[in-house]
C-alpha atoms as a PDB file:
ATOM      1  CA  UNK A   1       0.000   0.000   0.000  1.00  0.00           C
ATOM      2  CA  UNK A   2       1.447   3.409  -0.943  1.00  0.00           C
ATOM      3  CA  UNK A   3       1.919   6.277   1.465  1.00  0.00           C
ATOM      4  CA  UNK A   4       2.444   9.957   0.782  1.00  0.00           C
ATOM      5  CA  UNK A   5       3.879  12.630   3.069  1.00  0.00           C
ATOM      6  CA  UNK A   6       1.191  15.260   3.578  1.00  0.00           C
ATOM      7  CA  UNK A   7       0.639  17.733   6.425  1.00  0.00           C
ATOM      8  CA  UNK A   8       3.360  16.018   8.442  1.00  0.00           C
ATOM      9  CA  UNK A   9       1.758  12.573   8.158  1.00  0.00           C
ATOM     10  CA  UNK A  10       2.582   9.495   6.142  1.00  0.00           C
ATOM     11  CA  UNK A  11      -0.939   9.067   4.806  1.00  0.00           C
ATOM     12  CA  UNK A  12      -1.636   5.505   3.699  1.00  0.00           C
ATOM     13  CA  UNK A  13      -4.035   5.078   0.812  1.00  0.00           C
ATOM     14  CA  UNK A  14      -5.267   2.650  -1.803  1.00  0.00           C
ATOM     15  CA  UNK A  15      -5.625   3.401  -5.515  1.00  0.00           C
ATOM     16  CA  UNK A  16      -7.992   1.577  -7.847  1.00  0.00           C
ATOM     17  CA  UNK A  17      -9.033   1.925 -11.468  1.00  0.00           C
ATOM     18  CA  UNK A  18      -8.356   4.744 -13.921  1.00  0.00           C
ATOM     19  CA  UNK A  19     -10.153   7.833 -15.151  1.00  0.00           C
ATOM     20  CA  UNK A  20     -11.282  11.070 -13.493  1.00  0.00           C
ATOM     21  CA  UNK A  21     -10.143  11.215  -9.858  1.00  0.00           C
ATOM     22  CA  UNK A  22     -12.422  10.560  -6.917  1.00  0.00           C
ATOM     23  CA  UNK A  23     -11.411  10.593  -3.243  1.00  0.00           C
ATOM     24  CA  UNK A  24     -13.334   8.506  -0.677  1.00  0.00           C
ATOM     25  CA  UNK A  25     -13.232   9.570   3.003  1.00  0.00           C
ATOM     26  CA  UNK A  26     -14.247   6.981   5.598  1.00  0.00           C
ATOM     27  CA  UNK A  27     -16.038   7.348   8.908  1.00  0.00           C
ATOM     28  CA  UNK A  28     -14.745   7.499  12.479  1.00  0.00           C
ATOM     29  CA  UNK A  29     -13.164   4.302  13.891  1.00  0.00           C
ATOM     30  CA  UNK A  30     -13.150   2.667  10.453  1.00  0.00           C
ATOM     31  CA  UNK A  31     -11.092   2.633   7.244  1.00  0.00           C
ATOM     32  CA  UNK A  32     -11.794   3.467   3.622  1.00  0.00           C
ATOM     33  CA  UNK A  33     -11.385  -0.102   2.447  1.00  0.00           C
ATOM     34  CA  UNK A  34     -14.134  -1.217   4.843  1.00  0.00           C
ATOM     35  CA  UNK A  35     -16.621   1.644   4.621  1.00  0.00           C
ATOM     36  CA  UNK A  36     -16.499   1.683   0.816  1.00  0.00           C
ATOM     37  CA  UNK A  37     -15.952  -2.007   0.084  1.00  0.00           C
ATOM     38  CA  UNK A  38     -19.177  -2.104  -1.939  1.00  0.00           C
ATOM     39  CA  UNK A  39     -18.438   1.096  -3.871  1.00  0.00           C
ATOM     40  CA  UNK A  40     -14.768   0.705  -4.827  1.00  0.00           C
ATOM     41  CA  UNK A  41     -15.268  -2.044  -7.474  1.00  0.00           C
ATOM     42  CA  UNK A  42     -18.071  -0.061  -9.105  1.00  0.00           C
ATOM     43  CA  UNK A  43     -16.246   3.268  -9.133  1.00  0.00           C
ATOM     44  CA  UNK A  44     -12.956   1.729 -10.278  1.00  0.00           C
ATOM     45  CA  UNK A  45     -14.555   0.840 -13.600  1.00  0.00           C
ATOM     46  CA  UNK A  46     -14.431   4.504 -14.669  1.00  0.00           C
ATOM     47  CA  UNK A  47     -12.696   6.547 -11.973  1.00  0.00           C
ATOM     48  CA  UNK A  48      -9.236   6.737 -10.473  1.00  0.00           C
ATOM     49  CA  UNK A  49     -10.284   5.958  -6.911  1.00  0.00           C
ATOM     50  CA  UNK A  50      -8.158   7.204  -4.009  1.00  0.00           C
ATOM     51  CA  UNK A  51      -8.997   5.782  -0.579  1.00  0.00           C
ATOM     52  CA  UNK A  52      -6.889   7.334   2.220  1.00  0.00           C
ATOM     53  CA  UNK A  53      -6.948   6.329   5.877  1.00  0.00           C
ATOM     54  CA  UNK A  54      -7.541   9.261   8.239  1.00  0.00           C
ATOM     55  CA  UNK A  55      -4.962  10.128  10.875  1.00  0.00           C
ATOM     56  CA  UNK A  56      -5.040   7.702  13.786  1.00  0.00           C
ATOM     57  CA  UNK A  57      -7.002   5.169  11.743  1.00  0.00           C
ATOM     58  CA  UNK A  58      -5.842   1.864  10.262  1.00  0.00           C
ATOM     59  CA  UNK A  59      -2.560   2.498   8.466  1.00  0.00           C
ATOM     60  CA  UNK A  60      -2.076   6.273   8.889  1.00  0.00           C
ATOM     61  CA  UNK A  61      -0.138   6.583  12.114  1.00  0.00           C
ATOM     62  CA  UNK A  62      -1.152   9.271  14.600  1.00  0.00           C
ATOM     63  CA  UNK A  63      -1.378   9.158  18.393  1.00  0.00           C
ATOM     64  CA  UNK A  64      -4.799  10.496  19.333  1.00  0.00           C
ATOM     65  CA  UNK A  65      -3.368  11.277  22.745  1.00  0.00           C
ATOM     66  CA  UNK A  66      -1.871  14.325  21.020  1.00  0.00           C
ATOM     67  CA  UNK A  67      -5.316  15.502  19.997  1.00  0.00           C
ATOM     68  CA  UNK A  68      -7.849  14.949  17.226  1.00  0.00           C
ATOM     69  CA  UNK A  69      -9.625  17.789  15.433  1.00  0.00           C
ATOM     70  CA  UNK A  70     -11.815  18.014  12.369  1.00  0.00           C
ATOM     71  CA  UNK A  71      -9.881  21.001  10.999  1.00  0.00           C
ATOM     72  CA  UNK A  72      -6.737  18.844  11.006  1.00  0.00           C
ATOM     73  CA  UNK A  73      -8.611  16.335   8.844  1.00  0.00           C
ATOM     74  CA  UNK A  74      -9.548  19.095   6.400  1.00  0.00           C
ATOM     75  CA  UNK A  75      -5.909  20.215   6.236  1.00  0.00           C
ATOM     76  CA  UNK A  76      -4.853  16.581   5.793  1.00  0.00           C
ATOM     77  CA  UNK A  77      -7.170  16.235   2.800  1.00  0.00           C
ATOM     78  CA  UNK A  78      -5.906  19.445   1.200  1.00  0.00           C
ATOM     79  CA  UNK A  79      -2.292  18.345   1.631  1.00  0.00           C
ATOM     80  CA  UNK A  80      -3.078  14.820   0.399  1.00  0.00           C
ATOM     81  CA  UNK A  81      -4.671  15.868  -2.885  1.00  0.00           C
ATOM     82  CA  UNK A  82      -1.860  18.382  -3.468  1.00  0.00           C
ATOM     83  CA  UNK A  83       0.756  15.704  -2.812  1.00  0.00           C
ATOM     84  CA  UNK A  84      -0.753  13.281  -5.336  1.00  0.00           C
ATOM     85  CA  UNK A  85      -1.301  16.024  -7.911  1.00  0.00           C
ATOM     86  CA  UNK A  86      -5.081  16.449  -8.047  1.00  0.00           C
ATOM     87  CA  UNK A  87      -6.145  19.905  -9.189  1.00  0.00           C
ATOM     88  CA  UNK A  88      -9.853  19.020  -9.075  1.00  0.00           C
ATOM     89  CA  UNK A  89     -11.616  15.823  -8.116  1.00  0.00           C
ATOM     90  CA  UNK A  90     -14.872  14.195  -7.112  1.00  0.00           C
ATOM     91  CA  UNK A  91     -15.248  13.815  -3.334  1.00  0.00           C
ATOM     92  CA  UNK A  92     -17.297  11.281  -1.370  1.00  0.00           C
ATOM     93  CA  UNK A  93     -17.421  11.238   2.439  1.00  0.00           C
ATOM     94  CA  UNK A  94     -19.148   9.061   5.004  1.00  0.00           C
ATOM     95  CA  UNK A  95     -19.879  10.236   8.571  1.00  0.00           C
ATOM     96  CA  UNK A  96     -16.629  11.763   9.911  1.00  0.00           C
ATOM     97  CA  UNK A  97     -15.407  11.751   6.317  1.00  0.00           C
ATOM     98  CA  UNK A  98     -18.589  13.538   5.257  1.00  0.00           C
ATOM     99  CA  UNK A  99     -17.928  16.311   7.762  1.00  0.00           C
ATOM    100  CA  UNK A 100     -14.373  16.601   6.425  1.00  0.00           C
ATOM    101  CA  UNK A 101     -15.720  16.678   2.866  1.00  0.00           C
ATOM    102  CA  UNK A 102     -18.342  19.295   3.673  1.00  0.00           C
ATOM    103  CA  UNK A 103     -15.831  21.513   5.463  1.00  0.00           C
ATOM    104  CA  UNK A 104     -13.372  21.157   2.563  1.00  0.00           C
ATOM    105  CA  UNK A 105     -16.124  22.014   0.084  1.00  0.00           C
ATOM    106  CA  UNK A 106     -17.017  25.159   2.049  1.00  0.00           C
ATOM    107  CA  UNK A 107     -13.385  26.293   2.001  1.00  0.00           C
ATOM    108  CA  UNK A 108     -12.318  25.114  -1.457  1.00  0.00           C
ATOM    109  CA  UNK A 109     -15.391  24.652  -3.665  1.00  0.00           C
ATOM    110  CA  UNK A 110     -13.313  25.381  -6.777  1.00  0.00           C
ATOM    111  CA  UNK A 111     -11.320  22.184  -6.184  1.00  0.00           C
ATOM    112  CA  UNK A 112     -14.339  19.876  -6.451  1.00  0.00           C
ATOM    113  CA  UNK A 113     -16.142  18.501  -9.468  1.00  0.00           C
ATOM    114  CA  UNK A 114     -18.938  16.980  -7.379  1.00  0.00           C
ATOM    115  CA  UNK A 115     -19.614  16.233  -3.719  1.00  0.00           C
ATOM    116  CA  UNK A 116     -21.410  13.264  -2.118  1.00  0.00           C
ATOM    117  CA  UNK A 117     -21.880  13.144   1.668  1.00  0.00           C
ATOM    118  CA  UNK A 118     -23.436  10.329   3.667  1.00  0.00           C
ATOM    119  CA  UNK A 119     -24.577  10.268   7.296  1.00  0.00           C
ATOM    120  CA  UNK A 120     -23.746  13.772   8.513  1.00  0.00           C
ATOM    121  CA  UNK A 121     -25.498  16.687  10.185  1.00  0.00           C
ATOM    122  CA  UNK A 122     -24.303  20.246  10.685  1.00  0.00           C
ATOM    123  CA  UNK A 123     -26.119  20.421  14.027  1.00  0.00           C
ATOM    124  CA  UNK A 124     -24.518  19.497  17.360  1.00  0.00           C
ATOM    125  CA  UNK A 125     -27.187  17.113  18.520  1.00  0.00           C
ATOM    126  CA  UNK A 126     -27.951  14.276  18.420  1.00  0.00           C
ATOM    127  CA  UNK A 127     -24.533  13.604  16.863  1.00  0.00           C
ATOM    128  CA  UNK A 128     -22.490  14.593  19.920  1.00  0.00           C
ATOM    129  CA  UNK A 129     -24.584  12.614  22.424  1.00  0.00           C
ATOM    130  CA  UNK A 130     -24.634   9.489  20.268  1.00  0.00           C
ATOM    131  CA  UNK A 131     -20.880   9.709  19.637  1.00  0.00           C
ATOM    132  CA  UNK A 132     -20.161  10.120  23.348  1.00  0.00           C
ATOM    133  CA  UNK A 133     -22.210   7.032  24.188  1.00  0.00           C
ATOM    134  CA  UNK A 134     -21.047   4.787  21.346  1.00  0.00           C
ATOM    135  CA  UNK A 135     -17.368   5.735  21.559  1.00  0.00           C
ATOM    136  CA  UNK A 136     -16.895   4.932  25.242  1.00  0.00           C
ATOM    137  CA  UNK A 137     -14.112   2.294  25.357  1.00  0.00           C
ATOM    138  CA  UNK A 138     -15.216   0.921  28.737  1.00  0.00           C
ATOM    139  CA  UNK A 139     -18.763   0.376  27.496  1.00  0.00           C
ATOM    140  CA  UNK A 140     -17.500  -1.232  24.287  1.00  0.00           C
ATOM    141  CA  UNK A 141     -15.269  -3.706  26.132  1.00  0.00           C
ATOM    142  CA  UNK A 142     -18.031  -4.504  28.610  1.00  0.00           C
ATOM    143  CA  UNK A 143     -21.025  -4.734  26.261  1.00  0.00           C
ATOM    144  CA  UNK A 144     -19.559  -5.360  22.812  1.00  0.00           C
ATOM    145  CA  UNK A 145     -16.310  -7.342  23.044  1.00  0.00           C
ATOM    146  CA  UNK A 146     -16.617  -8.374  19.392  1.00  0.00           C
ATOM    147  CA  UNK A 147     -16.396  -4.729  18.327  1.00  0.00           C
ATOM    148  CA  UNK A 148     -13.493  -4.168  20.712  1.00  0.00           C
ATOM    149  CA  UNK A 149     -11.667  -7.031  19.007  1.00  0.00           C
ATOM    150  CA  UNK A 150     -12.515  -5.585  15.602  1.00  0.00           C
ATOM    151  CA  UNK A 151     -11.162  -2.174  16.577  1.00  0.00           C
ATOM    152  CA  UNK A 152      -7.957  -3.773  17.814  1.00  0.00           C
ATOM    153  CA  UNK A 153      -7.591  -5.745  14.580  1.00  0.00           C
ATOM    154  CA  UNK A 154      -8.186  -2.644  12.491  1.00  0.00           C
ATOM    155  CA  UNK A 155      -5.906  -0.191  14.285  1.00  0.00           C
ATOM    156  CA  UNK A 156      -3.389  -1.925  16.555  1.00  0.00           C
ATOM    157  CA  UNK A 157      -0.973  -3.254  13.896  1.00  0.00           C
ATOM    158  CA  UNK A 158       0.082   0.299  12.968  1.00  0.00           C
ATOM    159  CA  UNK A 159      -1.213   2.505  15.784  1.00  0.00           C
ATOM    160  CA  UNK A 160      -0.002   0.293  18.637  1.00  0.00           C
ATOM    161  CA  UNK A 161      -1.753  -1.891  21.202  1.00  0.00           C
ATOM    162  CA  UNK A 162      -4.831  -0.235  22.630  1.00  0.00           C
ATOM    163  CA  UNK A 163      -4.554   2.904  20.503  1.00  0.00           C
ATOM    164  CA  UNK A 164      -8.257   2.750  19.692  1.00  0.00           C
ATOM    165  CA  UNK A 165      -9.028   3.365  23.380  1.00  0.00           C
ATOM    166  CA  UNK A 166      -7.474   6.820  23.024  1.00  0.00           C
ATOM    167  CA  UNK A 167      -8.819   7.450  19.521  1.00  0.00           C
ATOM    168  CA  UNK A 168     -12.532   7.017  20.190  1.00  0.00           C
ATOM    169  CA  UNK A 169     -12.859   9.436  23.144  1.00  0.00           C
ATOM    170  CA  UNK A 170     -10.753  11.985  21.246  1.00  0.00           C
ATOM    171  CA  UNK A 171     -13.148  11.810  18.296  1.00  0.00           C
ATOM    172  CA  UNK A 172     -16.198  12.138  20.556  1.00  0.00           C
ATOM    173  CA  UNK A 173     -14.665  15.156  22.296  1.00  0.00           C
ATOM    174  CA  UNK A 174     -14.026  16.830  18.956  1.00  0.00           C
ATOM    175  CA  UNK A 175     -17.600  16.209  17.790  1.00  0.00           C
ATOM    176  CA  UNK A 176     -18.835  17.953  20.945  1.00  0.00           C
ATOM    177  CA  UNK A 177     -16.578  20.985  20.471  1.00  0.00           C
ATOM    178  CA  UNK A 178     -15.956  21.533  16.757  1.00  0.00           C
ATOM    179  CA  UNK A 179     -17.283  24.770  15.204  1.00  0.00           C
ATOM    180  CA  UNK A 180     -20.360  24.175  13.093  1.00  0.00           C
ATOM    181  CA  UNK A 181     -21.029  25.199   9.520  1.00  0.00           C
ATOM    182  CA  UNK A 182     -23.616  27.941   9.176  1.00  0.00           C
ATOM    183  CA  UNK A 183     -26.252  28.176   6.419  1.00  0.00           C
ATOM    184  CA  UNK A 184     -24.154  30.827   4.648  1.00  0.00           C
ATOM    185  CA  UNK A 185     -21.245  28.356   4.509  1.00  0.00           C
ATOM    186  CA  UNK A 186     -23.389  25.735   2.798  1.00  0.00           C
ATOM    187  CA  UNK A 187     -24.752  28.241   0.293  1.00  0.00           C
ATOM    188  CA  UNK A 188     -21.186  28.883  -0.902  1.00  0.00           C
ATOM    189  CA  UNK A 189     -20.844  25.268  -2.051  1.00  0.00           C
ATOM    190  CA  UNK A 190     -22.030  25.924  -5.582  1.00  0.00           C
ATOM    191  CA  UNK A 191     -21.448  22.521  -7.163  1.00  0.00           C
ATOM    192  CA  UNK A 192     -23.449  19.325  -7.663  1.00  0.00           C
ATOM    193  CA  UNK A 193     -23.958  17.637  -4.290  1.00  0.00           C
ATOM    194  CA  UNK A 194     -25.674  14.451  -3.147  1.00  0.00           C
ATOM    195  CA  UNK A 195     -26.758  14.182   0.508  1.00  0.00           C
ATOM    196  CA  UNK A 196     -27.637  10.696   1.774  1.00  0.00           C
ATOM    197  CA  UNK A 197     -28.820   9.315   5.100  1.00  0.00           C
ATOM    198  CA  UNK A 198     -30.700   6.358   6.535  1.00  0.00           C
ATOM    199  CA  UNK A 199     -34.211   6.938   7.783  1.00  0.00           C
ATOM    200  CA  UNK A 200     -33.221   5.405  11.145  1.00  0.00           C
ATOM    201  CA  UNK A 201     -29.803   6.988  11.552  1.00  0.00           C
ATOM    202  CA  UNK A 202     -29.311   7.825  15.252  1.00  0.00           C
ATOM    203  CA  UNK A 203     -26.692  10.454  14.357  1.00  0.00           C
ATOM    204  CA  UNK A 204     -28.625  12.224  11.594  1.00  0.00           C
ATOM    205  CA  UNK A 205     -32.388  12.842  11.696  1.00  0.00           C
ATOM    206  CA  UNK A 206     -33.829  12.892   8.196  1.00  0.00           C
ATOM    207  CA  UNK A 207     -34.855  16.531   8.509  1.00  0.00           C
ATOM    208  CA  UNK A 208     -31.217  17.467   9.192  1.00  0.00           C
ATOM    209  CA  UNK A 209     -30.090  15.841   5.944  1.00  0.00           C
ATOM    210  CA  UNK A 210     -33.015  17.430   4.118  1.00  0.00           C
ATOM    211  CA  UNK A 211     -32.004  20.829   5.500  1.00  0.00           C
ATOM    212  CA  UNK A 212     -28.453  20.438   4.197  1.00  0.00           C
ATOM    213  CA  UNK A 213     -29.702  19.432   0.755  1.00  0.00           C
ATOM    214  CA  UNK A 214     -31.992  22.470   0.641  1.00  0.00           C
ATOM    215  CA  UNK A 215     -29.223  24.890   1.597  1.00  0.00           C
ATOM    216  CA  UNK A 216     -26.758  23.540  -0.947  1.00  0.00           C
ATOM    217  CA  UNK A 217     -27.359  25.444  -4.218  1.00  0.00           C
ATOM    218  CA  UNK A 218     -27.336  22.222  -6.279  1.00  0.00           C
ATOM    219  CA  UNK A 219     -28.204  19.666  -3.612  1.00  0.00           C
ATOM    220  CA  UNK A 220     -30.115  16.380  -3.983  1.00  0.00           C
ATOM    221  CA  UNK A 221     -31.330  14.071  -1.198  1.00  0.00           C
ATOM    222  CA  UNK A 222     -31.346  10.288  -0.825  1.00  0.00           C
ATOM    223  CA  UNK A 223     -33.083   8.734   2.186  1.00  0.00           C
ATOM    224  CA  UNK A 224     -32.399   5.013   2.479  1.00  0.00           C
ATOM    225  CA  UNK A 225     -35.442   3.229   3.949  1.00  0.00           C
ATOM    226  CA  UNK A 226     -35.177   0.894   6.921  1.00  0.00           C
ATOM    227  CA  UNK A 227     -31.522   1.845   7.360  1.00  0.00           C
ATOM    228  CA  UNK A 228     -29.405   3.210  10.174  1.00  0.00           C
ATOM    229  CA  UNK A 229     -26.067   4.985   9.882  1.00  0.00           C
ATOM    230  CA  UNK A 230     -24.217   2.563   7.583  1.00  0.00           C
ATOM    231  CA  UNK A 231     -25.872   3.470   4.295  1.00  0.00           C
ATOM    232  CA  UNK A 232     -22.847   2.545   2.157  1.00  0.00           C
ATOM    233  CA  UNK A 233     -22.798  -0.910   3.748  1.00  0.00           C
ATOM    234  CA  UNK A 234     -26.398  -1.786   4.668  1.00  0.00           C
ATOM    235  CA  UNK A 235     -28.002  -0.279   1.566  1.00  0.00           C
ATOM    236  CA  UNK A 236     -25.072  -0.574  -0.811  1.00  0.00           C
ATOM    237  CA  UNK A 237     -27.157  -1.426  -3.880  1.00  0.00           C
ATOM    238  CA  UNK A 238     -29.501   1.512  -3.413  1.00  0.00           C
ATOM    239  CA  UNK A 239     -26.664   3.901  -2.663  1.00  0.00           C
ATOM    240  CA  UNK A 240     -24.619   2.707  -5.643  1.00  0.00           C
ATOM    241  CA  UNK A 241     -27.564   3.201  -7.980  1.00  0.00           C
ATOM    242  CA  UNK A 242     -28.203   6.689  -6.597  1.00  0.00           C
ATOM    243  CA  UNK A 243     -24.509   7.577  -6.904  1.00  0.00           C
ATOM    244  CA  UNK A 244     -24.477   6.296 -10.487  1.00  0.00           C
ATOM    245  CA  UNK A 245     -27.496   8.406 -11.357  1.00  0.00           C
ATOM    246  CA  UNK A 246     -25.939  11.412  -9.660  1.00  0.00           C
ATOM    247  CA  UNK A 247     -22.757  11.100 -11.720  1.00  0.00           C
ATOM    248  CA  UNK A 248     -24.723  10.575 -14.939  1.00  0.00           C
ATOM    249  CA  UNK A 249     -26.839  13.664 -14.340  1.00  0.00           C
ATOM    250  CA  UNK A 250     -23.878  15.880 -13.406  1.00  0.00           C
ATOM    251  CA  UNK A 251     -21.393  14.721 -16.039  1.00  0.00           C
ATOM    252  CA  UNK A 252     -21.402  17.903 -18.112  1.00  0.00           C
ATOM    253  CA  UNK A 253     -21.075  20.100 -15.032  1.00  0.00           C
ATOM    254  CA  UNK A 254     -18.206  17.995 -13.677  1.00  0.00           C
ATOM    255  CA  UNK A 255     -16.428  18.253 -17.025  1.00  0.00           C
ATOM    256  CA  UNK A 256     -16.853  22.023 -17.079  1.00  0.00           C
ATOM    257  CA  UNK A 257     -15.580  22.378 -13.525  1.00  0.00           C
ATOM    258  CA  UNK A 258     -12.514  20.311 -14.369  1.00  0.00           C
ATOM    259  CA  UNK A 259     -11.764  22.404 -17.430  1.00  0.00           C
ATOM    260  CA  UNK A 260     -12.360  25.566 -15.458  1.00  0.00           C
ATOM    261  CA  UNK A 261      -9.221  24.789 -13.481  1.00  0.00           C
ATOM    262  CA  UNK A 262      -7.119  24.706 -16.645  1.00  0.00           C
ATOM    263  CA  UNK A 263      -6.955  20.924 -16.966  1.00  0.00           C
ATOM    264  CA  UNK A 264      -6.075  19.603 -20.397  1.00  0.00           C
ATOM    265  CA  UNK A 265      -8.293  16.543 -19.975  1.00  0.00           C
ATOM    266  CA  UNK A 266     -10.859  15.178 -17.561  1.00  0.00           C
ATOM    267  CA  UNK A 267      -8.464  12.689 -16.020  1.00  0.00           C
ATOM    268  CA  UNK A 268      -5.275  14.066 -14.469  1.00  0.00           C
ATOM    269  CA  UNK A 269      -2.276  12.492 -16.139  1.00  0.00           C
ATOM    270  CA  UNK A 270       0.032  12.065 -13.150  1.00  0.00           C
ATOM    271  CA  UNK A 271      -2.283   9.968 -10.953  1.00  0.00           C
ATOM    272  CA  UNK A 272      -3.012   7.626 -13.859  1.00  0.00           C
ATOM    273  CA  UNK A 273       0.398   6.112 -13.320  1.00  0.00           C
ATOM    274  CA  UNK A 274      -1.034   4.410 -10.231  1.00  0.00           C
ATOM    275  CA  UNK A 275      -3.435   2.423 -12.419  1.00  0.00           C
ATOM    276  CA  UNK A 276      -1.660   2.125 -15.740  1.00  0.00           C
ATOM    277  CA  UNK A 277      -2.982  -1.366 -16.376  1.00  0.00           C
ATOM    278  CA  UNK A 278      -6.604  -0.693 -15.447  1.00  0.00           C
ATOM    279  CA  UNK A 279      -9.254  -0.451 -18.198  1.00  0.00           C
ATOM    280  CA  UNK A 280     -10.483   3.021 -19.079  1.00  0.00           C
ATOM    281  CA  UNK A 281     -13.447   4.194 -21.112  1.00  0.00           C
ATOM    282  CA  UNK A 282     -12.363   7.247 -23.039  1.00  0.00           C
ATOM    283  CA  UNK A 283     -14.384  10.315 -23.891  1.00  0.00           C
ATOM    284  CA  UNK A 284     -16.738  10.419 -20.925  1.00  0.00           C
ATOM    285  CA  UNK A 285     -16.669  10.705 -17.180  1.00  0.00           C
ATOM    286  CA  UNK A 286     -19.510   8.292 -16.547  1.00  0.00           C
ATOM    287  CA  UNK A 287     -20.375   6.301 -19.660  1.00  0.00           C
ATOM    288  CA  UNK A 288     -19.815   3.064 -17.749  1.00  0.00           C
ATOM    289  CA  UNK A 289     -22.723   3.873 -15.481  1.00  0.00           C
ATOM    290  CA  UNK A 290     -25.191   3.115 -18.244  1.00  0.00           C
ATOM    291  CA  UNK A 291     -24.085  -0.516 -18.216  1.00  0.00           C
ATOM    292  CA  UNK A 292     -26.240  -2.856 -16.143  1.00  0.00           C
ATOM    293  CA  UNK A 293     -23.768  -5.418 -14.845  1.00  0.00           C
END
């Protein structure tokens, strides 16, 4: 797995496919390979898919005892895409990754071709209360030892034994304290955006997701029925179809936004070296999405 030095971190990431670049940002306590396992094969048929691990997660080393803040994640993303040579790109974020994506979009809308965010609210509650309860290491070890073992498997090999016990409370503390985006911030994100949530998500009431989609100038809303927080996992087929339709419907806008940054072609040439042997469909960003495989 490659790493790249960005914002003082050796950020570990996976690369799949070839074509226009898309970056996938995973949720808290997880990794990109797990949160987007059902999306990566689909996207890799037409996109150059970059899947970084956030600081303190999986293979990107960071001691959460030194702190954990959302604005660091935004700076990490900016440094990461600069380091791998992406002038503009599609961005998809889930949960913590969706907050990072939304904050990045508010600060650097010109860098994005499209935005897709899943399982996020710009309001403090109920997100902070749910995070505080679910990310309590003592409760996890007492009531959910299987998840404790999974967290150790996911993070300990690189982060060190028991690192997840410091990571989870640090994330919960940041959720409770981080500055929130205001409506005026969302209105500045003038690019195609898909907002998705489950209708039973304890973190994100449906009306919160609806409110974000209404404030975004070109926002669309997907509500996955009978689904909690893990839309990309529990309703992967529905989400993949919605994402495919979103990319089909925004293809011309994405192309124009890419060209607006002075790019010679839709796909950046430097990152294509990561996937030189992968198949690519020329002449379109999303022609593959019309195939029913």
